[in-house]
Amino acid sequence: MDSDLVLVIGVVAVFLAIPSLIAAFSESRPPRMAITLFLVGGAMILIAAAMRPSGYRPDEVPGAFVRVIGRIVN
């Protein structure tokens, strides 16, 4: 698996944790799914950074999204 793909999946998982967290708090239930998504997404981001020798700078993340979407479209 490519490090760009792992990074993109991790970032998407972390962003999906936000609505889940808000929904859990608004319904007064424990945010189990939000915490799980956040942990899995964070772990995937760390794995992607470890897979790439130079790591990822914040300005390289949009380029990773473009490369992954480009591979999916092609």
C-alpha atoms as a PDB file:
ATOM      1  CA  MET A   1       0.000   0.000   0.000  1.00  0.00           C
ATOM      2  CA  ASP A   2       1.319   3.427  -0.930  1.00  0.00           C
ATOM      3  CA  SER A   3       2.079   5.956   1.806  1.00  0.00           C
ATOM      4  CA  ASP A   4      -0.062   8.598   0.060  1.00  0.00           C
ATOM      5  CA  LEU A   5      -3.087   6.295   0.164  1.00  0.00           C
ATOM      6  CA  VAL A   6      -2.551   5.484   3.838  1.00  0.00           C
ATOM      7  CA  LEU A   7      -2.229   9.192   4.628  1.00  0.00           C
ATOM      8  CA  VAL A   8      -5.406  10.115   2.750  1.00  0.00           C
ATOM      9  CA  ILE A   9      -7.443   7.353   4.406  1.00  0.00           C
ATOM     10  CA  GLY A  10      -6.112   8.430   7.819  1.00  0.00           C
ATOM     11  CA  VAL A  11      -6.968  12.087   7.275  1.00  0.00           C
ATOM     12  CA  VAL A  12     -10.473  11.199   6.071  1.00  0.00           C
ATOM     13  CA  ALA A  13     -11.002   8.979   9.127  1.00  0.00           C
ATOM     14  CA  VAL A  14      -9.930  11.782  11.476  1.00  0.00           C
ATOM     15  CA  PHE A  15     -12.284  14.239   9.772  1.00  0.00           C
ATOM     16  CA  LEU A  16     -15.151  11.725   9.966  1.00  0.00           C
ATOM     17  CA  ALA A  17     -14.588  11.502  13.712  1.00  0.00           C
ATOM     18  CA  ILE A  18     -15.660  15.133  14.167  1.00  0.00           C
ATOM     19  CA  PRO A  19     -19.356  14.735  13.164  1.00  0.00           C
ATOM     20  CA  SER A  20     -19.508  11.473  15.075  1.00  0.00           C
ATOM     21  CA  LEU A  21     -18.180  13.221  18.177  1.00  0.00           C
ATOM     22  CA  ILE A  22     -20.705  16.036  17.868  1.00  0.00           C
ATOM     23  CA  ALA A  23     -23.573  13.569  17.377  1.00  0.00           C
ATOM     24  CA  ALA A  24     -22.531  11.528  20.397  1.00  0.00           C
ATOM     25  CA  PHE A  25     -22.346  14.544  22.666  1.00  0.00           C
ATOM     26  CA  SER A  26     -25.651  15.960  21.422  1.00  0.00           C
ATOM     27  CA  GLU A  27     -27.396  12.644  22.150  1.00  0.00           C
ATOM     28  CA  SER A  28     -25.679  12.240  25.548  1.00  0.00           C
ATOM     29  CA  ARG A  29     -23.989   8.963  24.717  1.00  0.00           C
ATOM     30  CA  PRO A  30     -20.337   7.955  24.903  1.00  0.00           C
ATOM     31  CA  PRO A  31     -18.316   8.864  21.785  1.00  0.00           C
ATOM     32  CA  ARG A  32     -16.974   5.364  21.141  1.00  0.00           C
ATOM     33  CA  MET A  33     -17.072   5.532  17.339  1.00  0.00           C
ATOM     34  CA  ALA A  34     -15.498   8.991  17.299  1.00  0.00           C
ATOM     35  CA  ILE A  35     -12.644   7.857  19.503  1.00  0.00           C
ATOM     36  CA  THR A  36     -12.143   4.731  17.388  1.00  0.00           C
ATOM     37  CA  LEU A  37     -12.084   6.740  14.156  1.00  0.00           C
ATOM     38  CA  PHE A  38      -9.690   9.254  15.654  1.00  0.00           C
ATOM     39  CA  LEU A  39      -7.297   6.563  16.903  1.00  0.00           C
ATOM     40  CA  VAL A  40      -7.365   4.567  13.664  1.00  0.00           C
ATOM     41  CA  GLY A  41      -6.946   7.693  11.549  1.00  0.00           C
ATOM     42  CA  GLY A  42      -4.126   8.989  13.728  1.00  0.00           C
ATOM     43  CA  ALA A  43      -2.354   5.644  13.583  1.00  0.00           C
ATOM     44  CA  MET A  44      -2.673   5.588   9.795  1.00  0.00           C
ATOM     45  CA  ILE A  45      -1.214   9.092   9.545  1.00  0.00           C
ATOM     46  CA  LEU A  46       1.733   8.044  11.714  1.00  0.00           C
ATOM     47  CA  ILE A  47       2.241   4.881   9.652  1.00  0.00           C
ATOM     48  CA  ALA A  48       2.199   6.915   6.429  1.00  0.00           C
ATOM     49  CA  ALA A  49       4.792   9.301   7.847  1.00  0.00           C
ATOM     50  CA  ALA A  50       6.960   6.358   8.875  1.00  0.00           C
ATOM     51  CA  MET A  51       6.639   4.691   5.453  1.00  0.00           C
ATOM     52  CA  ARG A  52       7.989   7.769   3.691  1.00  0.00           C
ATOM     53  CA  PRO A  53      11.650   8.440   4.520  1.00  0.00           C
ATOM     54  CA  SER A  54      11.310  12.239   4.436  1.00  0.00           C
ATOM     55  CA  GLY A  55       7.905  12.249   6.145  1.00  0.00           C
ATOM     56  CA  TYR A  56       5.102  14.646   5.225  1.00  0.00           C
ATOM     57  CA  ARG A  57       5.087  18.389   5.608  1.00  0.00           C
ATOM     58  CA  PRO A  58       1.659  20.057   5.970  1.00  0.00           C
ATOM     59  CA  ASP A  59       1.970  21.634   2.521  1.00  0.00           C
ATOM     60  CA  GLU A  60       2.458  18.183   0.931  1.00  0.00           C
ATOM     61  CA  VAL A  61      -0.877  16.763   2.158  1.00  0.00           C
ATOM     62  CA  PRO A  62      -3.042  18.383  -0.595  1.00  0.00           C
ATOM     63  CA  GLY A  63      -0.644  16.970  -3.184  1.00  0.00           C
ATOM     64  CA  ALA A  64      -1.110  13.501  -1.701  1.00  0.00           C
ATOM     65  CA  PHE A  65      -4.890  13.909  -2.040  1.00  0.00           C
ATOM     66  CA  VAL A  66      -4.497  14.947  -5.684  1.00  0.00           C
ATOM     67  CA  ARG A  67      -2.212  11.991  -6.455  1.00  0.00           C
ATOM     68  CA  VAL A  68      -4.593   9.475  -4.825  1.00  0.00           C
ATOM     69  CA  ILE A  69      -7.680  10.909  -6.556  1.00  0.00           C
ATOM     70  CA  GLY A  70      -5.771  10.986  -9.842  1.00  0.00           C
ATOM     71  CA  ARG A  71      -4.949   7.299  -9.517  1.00  0.00           C
ATOM     72  CA  ILE A  72      -8.580   6.479  -8.756  1.00  0.00           C
ATOM     73  CA  VAL A  73      -9.881   8.473 -11.728  1.00  0.00           C
ATOM     74  CA  ASN A  74      -7.328   7.074 -14.172  1.00  0.00           C
END
